């Protein structure tokens, strides 16, 4: 092989390797969450900076790719959970109970979603509960059951989905995003049994 061509081939190979490495790093960062500074409380995670004007470039890229419209910080926070309170991944073949307490908020919703954030096809057509329509016990406490088969009370079905996430939206909440939050102030996700 001619020496002048070998120099160009090495330079071309280095450029292709750099391009592939850059694309891989971009893909990994887009799939890793909404960037920096997540707010964690037990199994619940929120990214308070996503809806602000000073959103970091990674979070901006994730939002642009998903097409979602995040809540502005002064509107509320969205917490997601991909695991139960023991850290085991949520499984559509298992039954769960979600029990209060909830952080202070003027209004809240708790819903099931696909891992990508979409609606889960289920036979009931119910995708979540809110602070307005959840059935409460005497004293104001509540429990929501997630199971494939119908249950009395607050029941959500994951349908045939094997994987799902929980989304807790807190509207007009006074939560301090700079503080470390006590997981006991957030709903517990308790696995009851698996099929």
N, C-alpha and C. Protein backbone atom coordinates (compact mmCIF):
# COMPACT_ATOMS: atom_id res chain seq x y z
N UNK A 1 0.85 -1.19 0.00
CA UNK A 1 0.00 0.00 0.00
C UNK A 1 0.89 1.24 0.00
N UNK A 2 0.48 2.23 -0.71
CA UNK A 2 1.21 3.50 -0.78
C UNK A 2 1.11 4.24 0.55
N UNK A 3 2.22 4.80 0.98
CA UNK A 3 2.24 5.50 2.26
C UNK A 3 1.34 6.73 2.31
N UNK A 4 1.22 7.56 1.27
CA UNK A 4 0.35 8.73 1.35
C UNK A 4 -1.12 8.33 1.59
N UNK A 5 -1.55 7.21 0.99
CA UNK A 5 -2.94 6.78 1.17
C UNK A 5 -3.18 6.23 2.56
N UNK A 6 -2.19 5.60 3.15
CA UNK A 6 -2.33 5.02 4.49
C UNK A 6 -2.61 6.13 5.51
N UNK A 7 -1.99 7.28 5.35
CA UNK A 7 -2.20 8.40 6.27
C UNK A 7 -3.66 8.86 6.20
N UNK A 8 -4.22 8.94 4.98
CA UNK A 8 -5.62 9.36 4.82
C UNK A 8 -6.59 8.31 5.35
N UNK A 9 -6.25 7.04 5.18
CA UNK A 9 -7.11 5.98 5.70
C UNK A 9 -7.15 5.99 7.23
N UNK A 10 -6.00 6.21 7.86
CA UNK A 10 -5.98 6.29 9.32
C UNK A 10 -6.78 7.49 9.82
N UNK A 11 -6.62 8.62 9.15
CA UNK A 11 -7.38 9.82 9.54
C UNK A 11 -8.88 9.59 9.36
N UNK A 12 -9.27 8.96 8.26
CA UNK A 12 -10.68 8.65 8.02
C UNK A 12 -11.24 7.68 9.05
N UNK A 13 -10.46 6.66 9.40
CA UNK A 13 -10.89 5.69 10.40
C UNK A 13 -11.05 6.36 11.77
N UNK A 14 -10.14 7.27 12.10
CA UNK A 14 -10.23 7.99 13.37
C UNK A 14 -11.47 8.88 13.41
N UNK A 15 -11.79 9.53 12.27
CA UNK A 15 -12.99 10.36 12.22
C UNK A 15 -14.26 9.52 12.36
N UNK A 16 -14.31 8.37 11.69
CA UNK A 16 -15.48 7.49 11.79
C UNK A 16 -15.63 6.95 13.21
N UNK A 17 -14.52 6.58 13.84
CA UNK A 17 -14.58 6.09 15.22
C UNK A 17 -15.07 7.20 16.16
N UNK A 18 -14.60 8.42 15.96
CA UNK A 18 -15.05 9.55 16.78
C UNK A 18 -16.53 9.83 16.58
N UNK A 19 -17.00 9.75 15.33
CA UNK A 19 -18.41 9.97 15.03
C UNK A 19 -19.27 8.88 15.70
N UNK A 20 -18.84 7.63 15.59
CA UNK A 20 -19.60 6.52 16.21
C UNK A 20 -19.62 6.67 17.72
N UNK A 21 -18.50 7.03 18.33
CA UNK A 21 -18.44 7.22 19.77
C UNK A 21 -19.34 8.38 20.20
N UNK A 22 -19.34 9.46 19.46
CA UNK A 22 -20.20 10.61 19.77
C UNK A 22 -21.68 10.26 19.67
N UNK A 23 -22.07 9.52 18.64
CA UNK A 23 -23.46 9.11 18.50
C UNK A 23 -23.88 8.16 19.63
N UNK A 24 -22.99 7.25 20.00
CA UNK A 24 -23.28 6.33 21.10
C UNK A 24 -23.45 7.10 22.41
N UNK A 25 -22.57 8.04 22.69
CA UNK A 25 -22.68 8.84 23.91
C UNK A 25 -23.97 9.65 23.93
N UNK A 26 -24.37 10.19 22.79
CA UNK A 26 -25.63 10.94 22.69
C UNK A 26 -26.81 10.04 22.96
N UNK A 27 -26.83 8.87 22.36
CA UNK A 27 -27.92 7.92 22.56
C UNK A 27 -28.02 7.51 24.02
N UNK A 28 -26.90 7.22 24.66
CA UNK A 28 -26.90 6.83 26.07
C UNK A 28 -27.41 7.96 26.96
N UNK A 29 -26.99 9.19 26.68
CA UNK A 29 -27.43 10.31 27.52
C UNK A 29 -28.91 10.60 27.33
N UNK A 30 -29.44 10.40 26.12
CA UNK A 30 -30.87 10.63 25.90
C UNK A 30 -31.74 9.57 26.56
N UNK A 31 -31.19 8.39 26.78
CA UNK A 31 -31.95 7.32 27.41
C UNK A 31 -31.72 7.24 28.91
N UNK A 32 -30.89 8.10 29.47
CA UNK A 32 -30.53 8.02 30.88
C UNK A 32 -31.42 8.88 31.77
N UNK A 33 -32.36 9.63 31.23
CA UNK A 33 -33.20 10.50 32.05
C UNK A 33 -33.15 11.91 31.53
N UNK A 34 -33.55 12.83 32.39
CA UNK A 34 -33.68 14.22 31.98
C UNK A 34 -32.48 15.07 32.36
N UNK A 35 -31.32 14.51 32.40
CA UNK A 35 -30.15 15.33 32.67
C UNK A 35 -29.70 15.25 34.10
N UNK A 36 -29.42 16.42 34.67
CA UNK A 36 -28.77 16.50 35.97
C UNK A 36 -29.76 16.84 37.08
N UNK A 37 -29.33 16.62 38.31
CA UNK A 37 -30.04 17.00 39.52
C UNK A 37 -31.45 16.44 39.65
N UNK A 38 -31.59 15.12 39.63
CA UNK A 38 -32.92 14.57 39.89
C UNK A 38 -33.29 14.74 41.36
N UNK A 39 -34.56 14.83 41.63
CA UNK A 39 -35.09 14.91 42.98
C UNK A 39 -35.64 13.53 43.30
N UNK A 40 -35.05 12.84 44.29
CA UNK A 40 -35.44 11.45 44.59
C UNK A 40 -36.03 11.35 45.99
N UNK A 41 -37.06 10.51 46.09
CA UNK A 41 -37.67 10.20 47.38
C UNK A 41 -38.17 8.76 47.30
N UNK A 42 -37.39 7.82 47.82
CA UNK A 42 -37.75 6.41 47.69
C UNK A 42 -37.75 6.02 46.22
N UNK A 43 -38.82 5.36 45.74
CA UNK A 43 -38.86 4.95 44.33
C UNK A 43 -39.25 6.09 43.38
N UNK A 44 -39.59 7.25 43.90
CA UNK A 44 -40.07 8.37 43.09
C UNK A 44 -38.93 9.28 42.68
N UNK A 45 -38.93 9.69 41.41
CA UNK A 45 -37.90 10.59 40.88
C UNK A 45 -38.55 11.69 40.06
N UNK A 46 -38.09 12.92 40.26
CA UNK A 46 -38.56 14.07 39.46
C UNK A 46 -37.34 14.86 39.01
N UNK A 47 -37.50 15.59 37.93
CA UNK A 47 -36.46 16.49 37.42
C UNK A 47 -37.05 17.89 37.40
N UNK A 48 -36.90 18.64 38.51
CA UNK A 48 -37.54 19.95 38.61
C UNK A 48 -37.06 20.97 37.59
N UNK A 49 -35.85 20.83 37.08
CA UNK A 49 -35.33 21.82 36.14
C UNK A 49 -35.83 21.67 34.72
N UNK A 50 -36.55 20.58 34.42
CA UNK A 50 -36.97 20.33 33.05
C UNK A 50 -37.93 21.39 32.54
N UNK A 51 -38.83 21.89 33.38
CA UNK A 51 -39.83 22.86 32.93
C UNK A 51 -39.39 24.30 33.06
N UNK A 52 -38.15 24.54 33.46
CA UNK A 52 -37.69 25.91 33.66
C UNK A 52 -36.96 26.48 32.46
N UNK A 53 -36.69 27.76 32.53
CA UNK A 53 -35.99 28.44 31.44
C UNK A 53 -34.52 28.05 31.38
N UNK A 54 -33.96 27.62 32.50
CA UNK A 54 -32.54 27.27 32.55
C UNK A 54 -32.32 25.75 32.43
N UNK A 55 -33.15 25.09 31.65
CA UNK A 55 -33.05 23.64 31.47
C UNK A 55 -31.72 23.30 30.80
N UNK A 56 -31.09 22.21 31.27
CA UNK A 56 -29.80 21.84 30.70
C UNK A 56 -30.00 21.23 29.31
N UNK A 57 -28.96 21.22 28.47
CA UNK A 57 -29.11 20.75 27.09
C UNK A 57 -29.53 19.30 26.95
N UNK A 58 -29.13 18.44 27.90
CA UNK A 58 -29.52 17.04 27.84
C UNK A 58 -31.02 16.88 28.05
N UNK A 59 -31.53 17.56 29.08
CA UNK A 59 -32.97 17.51 29.34
C UNK A 59 -33.75 18.11 28.18
N UNK A 60 -33.26 19.19 27.61
CA UNK A 60 -33.92 19.81 26.45
C UNK A 60 -33.99 18.83 25.28
N UNK A 61 -32.93 18.06 25.07
CA UNK A 61 -32.91 17.08 23.98
C UNK A 61 -33.89 15.95 24.23
N UNK A 62 -33.99 15.48 25.49
CA UNK A 62 -34.94 14.41 25.81
C UNK A 62 -36.37 14.88 25.60
N UNK A 63 -36.67 16.10 26.04
CA UNK A 63 -38.02 16.66 25.87
C UNK A 63 -38.33 16.85 24.39
N UNK A 64 -37.38 17.33 23.62
CA UNK A 64 -37.60 17.52 22.18
C UNK A 64 -37.84 16.18 21.48
N UNK A 65 -37.10 15.17 21.89
CA UNK A 65 -37.26 13.85 21.26
C UNK A 65 -38.59 13.22 21.61
N UNK A 66 -39.06 13.39 22.85
CA UNK A 66 -40.31 12.75 23.27
C UNK A 66 -41.53 13.55 22.84
N UNK A 67 -41.38 14.85 22.64
CA UNK A 67 -42.52 15.68 22.24
C UNK A 67 -43.43 16.06 23.39
N UNK A 68 -42.99 15.82 24.62
CA UNK A 68 -43.84 16.15 25.76
C UNK A 68 -43.77 17.63 26.09
N UNK A 69 -44.75 18.08 26.87
CA UNK A 69 -44.78 19.46 27.35
C UNK A 69 -44.68 19.41 28.86
N UNK A 70 -43.47 19.55 29.42
CA UNK A 70 -43.30 19.42 30.87
C UNK A 70 -43.96 20.57 31.62
N UNK A 71 -44.30 20.28 32.89
CA UNK A 71 -44.85 21.33 33.75
C UNK A 71 -43.75 22.32 34.10
N UNK A 72 -44.10 23.59 34.11
CA UNK A 72 -43.17 24.60 34.59
C UNK A 72 -43.04 24.44 36.10
N UNK A 73 -41.93 24.81 36.67
CA UNK A 73 -41.67 24.60 38.09
C UNK A 73 -42.75 25.25 38.96
N UNK A 74 -43.26 26.42 38.57
CA UNK A 74 -44.28 27.07 39.39
C UNK A 74 -45.66 26.43 39.20
N UNK A 75 -45.81 25.51 38.25
CA UNK A 75 -47.08 24.80 38.07
C UNK A 75 -47.12 23.51 38.88
N UNK A 76 -46.00 22.82 38.99
CA UNK A 76 -45.98 21.58 39.74
C UNK A 76 -44.79 20.72 39.39
N UNK A 77 -44.81 19.48 39.89
CA UNK A 77 -43.74 18.52 39.65
C UNK A 77 -44.33 17.19 39.22
N UNK A 78 -43.61 16.48 38.37
CA UNK A 78 -44.02 15.15 37.95
C UNK A 78 -42.97 14.17 38.47
N UNK A 79 -43.42 13.24 39.31
CA UNK A 79 -42.56 12.18 39.82
C UNK A 79 -42.90 10.90 39.09
N UNK A 80 -41.90 10.12 38.76
CA UNK A 80 -42.14 8.82 38.14
C UNK A 80 -41.51 7.73 39.00
N UNK A 81 -42.08 6.53 38.92
CA UNK A 81 -41.54 5.38 39.64
C UNK A 81 -41.51 4.21 38.68
N UNK A 82 -40.34 3.57 38.58
CA UNK A 82 -40.18 2.37 37.75
C UNK A 82 -40.00 1.12 38.60
N UNK A 83 -39.98 1.32 39.93
CA UNK A 83 -39.77 0.21 40.86
C UNK A 83 -40.69 0.38 42.06
N UNK A 84 -40.88 -0.70 42.81
CA UNK A 84 -41.68 -0.60 44.03
C UNK A 84 -40.81 -0.06 45.17
N UNK A 85 -41.36 0.01 46.36
CA UNK A 85 -40.64 0.61 47.48
C UNK A 85 -39.45 -0.22 47.95
N UNK A 86 -39.35 -1.49 47.52
CA UNK A 86 -38.17 -2.30 47.86
C UNK A 86 -37.10 -2.22 46.79
N UNK A 87 -37.40 -1.57 45.66
CA UNK A 87 -36.44 -1.44 44.57
C UNK A 87 -36.63 -2.44 43.45
N UNK A 88 -37.61 -3.35 43.55
CA UNK A 88 -37.87 -4.33 42.49
C UNK A 88 -38.62 -3.65 41.35
N UNK A 89 -38.25 -3.92 40.09
CA UNK A 89 -38.94 -3.28 38.96
C UNK A 89 -40.43 -3.61 38.95
N UNK A 90 -41.23 -2.62 38.54
CA UNK A 90 -42.68 -2.84 38.43
C UNK A 90 -42.95 -3.84 37.32
N UNK A 91 -43.86 -4.78 37.60
CA UNK A 91 -44.16 -5.88 36.69
C UNK A 91 -45.66 -6.00 36.53
N UNK A 92 -46.16 -6.00 35.29
CA UNK A 92 -47.59 -6.10 35.02
C UNK A 92 -48.20 -7.40 35.48
N UNK A 93 -47.42 -8.42 35.73
CA UNK A 93 -47.92 -9.69 36.22
C UNK A 93 -48.09 -9.73 37.73
N UNK A 94 -47.72 -8.65 38.41
CA UNK A 94 -47.84 -8.58 39.86
C UNK A 94 -48.95 -7.62 40.26
N UNK A 95 -49.37 -7.74 41.50
CA UNK A 95 -50.36 -6.84 42.07
C UNK A 95 -49.67 -5.93 43.08
N UNK A 96 -50.10 -4.66 43.09
CA UNK A 96 -49.48 -3.66 43.96
C UNK A 96 -50.56 -2.88 44.69
N UNK A 97 -50.17 -2.34 45.82
CA UNK A 97 -51.01 -1.39 46.54
C UNK A 97 -50.21 -0.11 46.72
N UNK A 98 -50.82 0.99 46.35
CA UNK A 98 -50.18 2.30 46.52
C UNK A 98 -50.93 2.98 47.65
N UNK A 99 -50.21 3.25 48.73
CA UNK A 99 -50.85 3.82 49.91
C UNK A 99 -50.25 5.18 50.23
N UNK A 100 -51.14 6.05 50.76
CA UNK A 100 -50.68 7.39 51.10
C UNK A 100 -49.67 7.32 52.23
N UNK A 101 -48.95 8.36 52.52
CA UNK A 101 -49.27 9.77 52.39
C UNK A 101 -48.81 10.37 51.06
N UNK A 102 -49.22 11.60 50.85
CA UNK A 102 -48.78 12.37 49.69
C UNK A 102 -48.20 13.69 50.17
N UNK A 103 -47.21 14.22 49.46
CA UNK A 103 -46.72 15.56 49.80
C UNK A 103 -47.84 16.59 49.60
N UNK A 104 -47.70 17.71 50.25
CA UNK A 104 -48.70 18.77 50.13
C UNK A 104 -48.79 19.25 48.67
N UNK A 105 -50.01 19.36 48.18
CA UNK A 105 -50.26 19.86 46.83
C UNK A 105 -51.73 20.27 46.76
N UNK A 106 -52.02 21.27 45.95
CA UNK A 106 -53.40 21.69 45.79
C UNK A 106 -54.22 20.61 45.07
N UNK A 107 -53.57 19.92 44.13
CA UNK A 107 -54.23 18.89 43.32
C UNK A 107 -53.17 17.88 42.91
N UNK A 108 -53.54 16.61 42.84
CA UNK A 108 -52.58 15.59 42.40
C UNK A 108 -53.27 14.56 41.52
N UNK A 109 -52.49 13.90 40.68
CA UNK A 109 -52.96 12.76 39.89
C UNK A 109 -51.94 11.65 40.02
N UNK A 110 -52.42 10.41 39.99
CA UNK A 110 -51.54 9.26 40.00
C UNK A 110 -52.03 8.34 38.89
N UNK A 111 -51.14 8.01 37.93
CA UNK A 111 -51.57 7.23 36.77
C UNK A 111 -50.53 6.20 36.37
N UNK A 112 -50.99 5.21 35.60
CA UNK A 112 -50.12 4.20 35.00
C UNK A 112 -49.75 4.67 33.60
N UNK A 113 -48.56 4.32 33.16
CA UNK A 113 -48.13 4.67 31.81
C UNK A 113 -47.15 3.62 31.30
N UNK A 114 -46.95 3.62 29.99
CA UNK A 114 -45.92 2.76 29.41
C UNK A 114 -44.56 3.31 29.83
N UNK A 115 -43.48 2.54 29.71
CA UNK A 115 -42.16 3.08 30.06
C UNK A 115 -41.79 4.33 29.26
N UNK A 116 -42.42 4.53 28.09
CA UNK A 116 -42.17 5.72 27.29
C UNK A 116 -43.07 6.88 27.69
N UNK A 117 -44.03 6.65 28.61
CA UNK A 117 -44.91 7.71 29.07
C UNK A 117 -46.27 7.74 28.41
N UNK A 118 -46.60 6.78 27.54
CA UNK A 118 -47.90 6.75 26.87
C UNK A 118 -48.96 6.03 27.69
N UNK A 119 -50.20 6.11 27.22
CA UNK A 119 -51.30 5.45 27.90
C UNK A 119 -51.21 3.94 27.71
N UNK A 120 -51.62 3.20 28.73
CA UNK A 120 -51.64 1.74 28.67
C UNK A 120 -53.03 1.30 28.26
N UNK A 121 -53.10 0.50 27.22
CA UNK A 121 -54.38 -0.03 26.78
C UNK A 121 -54.89 -1.01 27.83
N UNK A 122 -56.08 -0.71 28.38
CA UNK A 122 -56.65 -1.61 29.38
C UNK A 122 -58.16 -1.68 29.21
N UNK A 123 -58.80 -2.73 29.70
CA UNK A 123 -60.23 -2.93 29.44
C UNK A 123 -61.14 -1.91 30.11
N UNK A 124 -60.68 -1.24 31.16
CA UNK A 124 -61.54 -0.32 31.90
C UNK A 124 -61.55 1.08 31.31
N UNK A 125 -60.52 1.45 30.59
CA UNK A 125 -60.42 2.81 30.08
C UNK A 125 -60.06 3.82 31.16
N UNK A 126 -59.70 3.36 32.35
CA UNK A 126 -59.27 4.26 33.42
C UNK A 126 -57.76 4.19 33.50
N UNK A 127 -57.14 5.37 33.48
CA UNK A 127 -55.68 5.44 33.44
C UNK A 127 -55.08 5.99 34.73
N UNK A 128 -55.92 6.49 35.63
CA UNK A 128 -55.39 7.04 36.86
C UNK A 128 -56.48 7.57 37.77
N UNK A 129 -56.06 8.09 38.91
CA UNK A 129 -56.95 8.72 39.88
C UNK A 129 -56.40 10.11 40.20
N UNK A 130 -57.26 10.95 40.73
CA UNK A 130 -56.85 12.28 41.15
C UNK A 130 -57.30 12.53 42.57
N UNK A 131 -56.87 13.62 43.15
CA UNK A 131 -57.27 13.97 44.51
C UNK A 131 -58.76 14.23 44.60
N UNK A 132 -59.41 14.44 43.47
CA UNK A 132 -60.85 14.71 43.45
C UNK A 132 -61.67 13.42 43.41
N UNK A 133 -61.23 12.41 42.64
CA UNK A 133 -62.08 11.24 42.44
C UNK A 133 -61.61 9.96 43.14
N UNK A 134 -60.52 9.99 43.88
CA UNK A 134 -60.08 8.80 44.60
C UNK A 134 -61.03 8.55 45.78
N UNK A 135 -61.37 7.29 46.00
CA UNK A 135 -62.21 6.92 47.14
C UNK A 135 -61.33 6.90 48.39
N UNK A 136 -61.82 7.57 49.44
CA UNK A 136 -61.04 7.68 50.66
C UNK A 136 -61.71 6.93 51.81
N UNK A 137 -60.85 6.47 52.73
CA UNK A 137 -61.34 5.85 53.95
C UNK A 137 -61.71 6.96 54.94
N UNK A 138 -62.29 6.55 56.04
CA UNK A 138 -62.58 7.52 57.09
C UNK A 138 -61.25 8.09 57.58
N UNK A 139 -61.17 9.37 57.69
CA UNK A 139 -59.92 10.03 58.09
C UNK A 139 -59.15 10.58 56.89
N UNK A 140 -59.57 10.24 55.66
CA UNK A 140 -58.97 10.82 54.46
C UNK A 140 -57.90 9.99 53.79
N UNK A 141 -57.47 8.86 54.38
CA UNK A 141 -56.43 8.05 53.74
C UNK A 141 -57.01 7.28 52.56
N UNK A 142 -56.15 6.77 51.73
CA UNK A 142 -56.60 6.02 50.56
C UNK A 142 -55.59 4.94 50.21
N UNK A 143 -56.02 4.01 49.36
CA UNK A 143 -55.14 2.99 48.79
C UNK A 143 -55.62 2.74 47.36
N UNK A 144 -54.68 2.59 46.45
CA UNK A 144 -54.99 2.28 45.06
C UNK A 144 -54.37 0.93 44.74
N UNK A 145 -55.17 0.02 44.20
CA UNK A 145 -54.68 -1.31 43.85
C UNK A 145 -54.41 -1.37 42.35
N UNK A 146 -53.27 -1.95 41.99
CA UNK A 146 -52.93 -2.20 40.59
C UNK A 146 -52.95 -3.71 40.41
N UNK A 147 -53.85 -4.19 39.56
CA UNK A 147 -53.98 -5.62 39.32
C UNK A 147 -54.69 -5.83 37.99
N UNK A 148 -54.43 -6.95 37.36
CA UNK A 148 -55.10 -7.25 36.08
C UNK A 148 -56.59 -7.52 36.27
N UNK A 149 -56.94 -8.21 37.36
CA UNK A 149 -58.34 -8.55 37.62
C UNK A 149 -58.99 -7.49 38.49
N UNK A 150 -60.28 -7.26 38.28
CA UNK A 150 -61.02 -6.21 38.96
C UNK A 150 -60.96 -6.35 40.48
N UNK A 151 -60.90 -5.21 41.14
CA UNK A 151 -60.90 -5.13 42.59
C UNK A 151 -61.90 -4.06 43.00
N UNK A 152 -62.43 -4.19 44.20
CA UNK A 152 -63.31 -3.16 44.74
C UNK A 152 -62.48 -1.94 45.10
N UNK A 153 -63.08 -0.79 45.05
CA UNK A 153 -62.40 0.44 45.44
C UNK A 153 -61.58 1.04 44.33
N UNK A 154 -60.47 1.64 44.68
CA UNK A 154 -59.59 2.30 43.72
C UNK A 154 -58.73 1.24 43.02
N UNK A 155 -59.06 0.95 41.78
CA UNK A 155 -58.37 -0.12 41.05
C UNK A 155 -57.93 0.39 39.69
N UNK A 156 -56.67 0.11 39.35
CA UNK A 156 -56.12 0.39 38.02
C UNK A 156 -55.62 -0.92 37.42
N UNK A 157 -55.86 -1.08 36.13
CA UNK A 157 -55.42 -2.29 35.45
C UNK A 157 -54.25 -1.97 34.52
N UNK A 158 -53.17 -2.76 34.59
CA UNK A 158 -52.08 -2.57 33.63
C UNK A 158 -52.37 -3.25 32.29
N UNK A 159 -53.59 -3.81 32.15
CA UNK A 159 -53.93 -4.52 30.92
C UNK A 159 -52.98 -5.69 30.72
N UNK A 160 -52.54 -5.88 29.50
CA UNK A 160 -51.61 -6.97 29.19
C UNK A 160 -50.15 -6.52 29.24
N UNK A 161 -49.91 -5.27 29.62
CA UNK A 161 -48.54 -4.75 29.66
C UNK A 161 -47.70 -5.49 30.70
N UNK A 162 -46.50 -5.86 30.33
CA UNK A 162 -45.58 -6.49 31.27
C UNK A 162 -44.79 -5.43 32.03
N UNK A 163 -44.56 -4.29 31.40
CA UNK A 163 -43.81 -3.22 32.05
C UNK A 163 -44.67 -1.97 32.06
N UNK A 164 -44.58 -1.24 33.15
CA UNK A 164 -45.29 0.03 33.26
C UNK A 164 -44.55 0.91 34.26
N UNK A 165 -44.91 2.18 34.28
CA UNK A 165 -44.37 3.11 35.27
C UNK A 165 -45.55 3.81 35.94
N UNK A 166 -45.29 4.41 37.07
CA UNK A 166 -46.29 5.21 37.76
C UNK A 166 -45.88 6.67 37.65
N UNK A 167 -46.86 7.53 37.40
CA UNK A 167 -46.62 8.97 37.32
C UNK A 167 -47.44 9.67 38.39
N UNK A 168 -46.77 10.41 39.25
CA UNK A 168 -47.42 11.19 40.29
C UNK A 168 -47.20 12.66 39.96
N UNK A 169 -48.28 13.35 39.65
CA UNK A 169 -48.19 14.78 39.32
C UNK A 169 -48.72 15.58 40.51
N UNK A 170 -47.90 16.47 41.00
CA UNK A 170 -48.28 17.34 42.11
C UNK A 170 -48.39 18.76 41.58
N UNK A 171 -49.61 19.31 41.58
CA UNK A 171 -49.84 20.65 41.05
C UNK A 171 -49.86 21.65 42.20
N UNK A 172 -49.20 22.78 41.98
CA UNK A 172 -49.14 23.85 42.97
C UNK A 172 -48.67 23.30 44.31
N UNK A 173 -47.48 22.72 44.30
CA UNK A 173 -46.92 22.12 45.51
C UNK A 173 -45.84 23.03 46.11
N UNK A 174 -45.77 23.10 47.43
CA UNK A 174 -44.73 23.91 48.07
C UNK A 174 -43.43 23.14 48.31
N UNK A 175 -43.25 21.98 47.68
CA UNK A 175 -42.03 21.18 47.90
C UNK A 175 -40.78 22.00 47.59
N UNK A 176 -39.83 21.92 48.48
CA UNK A 176 -38.54 22.58 48.29
C UNK A 176 -37.67 21.66 47.44
N UNK A 177 -37.37 22.08 46.22
CA UNK A 177 -36.60 21.22 45.32
C UNK A 177 -35.13 21.14 45.70
N UNK A 178 -34.69 21.99 46.60
CA UNK A 178 -33.29 21.96 47.04
C UNK A 178 -33.09 21.02 48.22
N UNK A 179 -34.19 20.63 48.88
CA UNK A 179 -34.09 19.81 50.09
C UNK A 179 -34.03 18.33 49.74
N UNK A 180 -33.51 17.56 50.65
CA UNK A 180 -33.54 16.10 50.52
C UNK A 180 -34.84 15.63 51.16
N UNK A 181 -35.69 14.97 50.37
CA UNK A 181 -37.02 14.64 50.85
C UNK A 181 -37.08 13.27 51.51
N UNK A 182 -37.92 13.20 52.52
CA UNK A 182 -38.13 11.97 53.26
C UNK A 182 -39.01 11.04 52.43
N UNK A 183 -38.54 9.84 52.10
CA UNK A 183 -39.37 8.91 51.32
C UNK A 183 -40.68 8.57 52.01
N UNK A 184 -40.74 8.70 53.35
CA UNK A 184 -41.97 8.40 54.08
C UNK A 184 -43.06 9.43 53.82
N UNK A 185 -42.73 10.55 53.19
CA UNK A 185 -43.73 11.56 52.86
C UNK A 185 -44.36 11.30 51.49
N UNK A 186 -43.91 10.25 50.79
CA UNK A 186 -44.41 9.92 49.46
C UNK A 186 -45.15 8.59 49.51
N UNK A 187 -46.03 8.34 48.53
CA UNK A 187 -46.78 7.08 48.54
C UNK A 187 -45.87 5.86 48.50
N UNK A 188 -46.26 4.83 49.24
CA UNK A 188 -45.54 3.56 49.23
C UNK A 188 -46.10 2.70 48.10
N UNK A 189 -45.23 1.99 47.40
CA UNK A 189 -45.63 1.08 46.34
C UNK A 189 -45.32 -0.33 46.87
N UNK A 190 -46.34 -1.03 47.32
CA UNK A 190 -46.17 -2.31 48.00
C UNK A 190 -46.60 -3.44 47.06
N UNK A 191 -45.67 -4.36 46.80
CA UNK A 191 -46.01 -5.54 45.99
C UNK A 191 -46.81 -6.51 46.84
N UNK A 192 -47.98 -6.92 46.34
CA UNK A 192 -48.84 -7.84 47.07
C UNK A 192 -48.54 -9.29 46.71
N UNK A 193 -48.61 -9.59 45.40
CA UNK A 193 -48.31 -10.95 44.94
C UNK A 193 -48.08 -10.91 43.44
N UNK A 194 -47.48 -11.97 42.91
CA UNK A 194 -47.24 -12.07 41.47
C UNK A 194 -47.87 -13.35 40.94
N UNK A 195 -48.30 -13.29 39.68
CA UNK A 195 -48.93 -14.46 39.04
C UNK A 195 -47.89 -15.52 38.72
